[in-house]
Amino acid sequence: MGEFSLTHLLLLGLIFLIFFGPSRLPQLGQSMGKAIRGFKQGLNEIDVDAKDIKDNVNNQQVSHQQQQSQQVNQTQSQKDPHNS
C-alpha cells in the first residue's frame, strides 16, 4: 500500500485524458515543466543570496578584526615610540 504500480499510473493517465482532453495535455505538461523550472530557479536564487550574505558577514568580520589590530598597533606605537 502506498506504492504506485503501472496500473495506477495508467489509470491516472486515463483520468487526465478524460478530464483535460487530448488537446490540452501537451499544454498542461508544458505548464508543469515551466512551473518546476521556475521553482528550481527560485531555490537556486535563494541559495545564492544566502551564500552572498554569508560571504558579506565573513568579510565584515575580517575587516573589523583588521581594524582592531590596526588600532592596537597604533596604540602600542603611541605608548612606546622607541619601539618603532
Foldseek 3Di string as FASTA:
>chain_A
DPDDDPVNVVVVVVVCCVVQNPVCVVVVVVVVVVVVVVVVVVVVVVVVVVVVVVVVVVVVVVVVVVVVVVVVVVVVCVVPVPVD
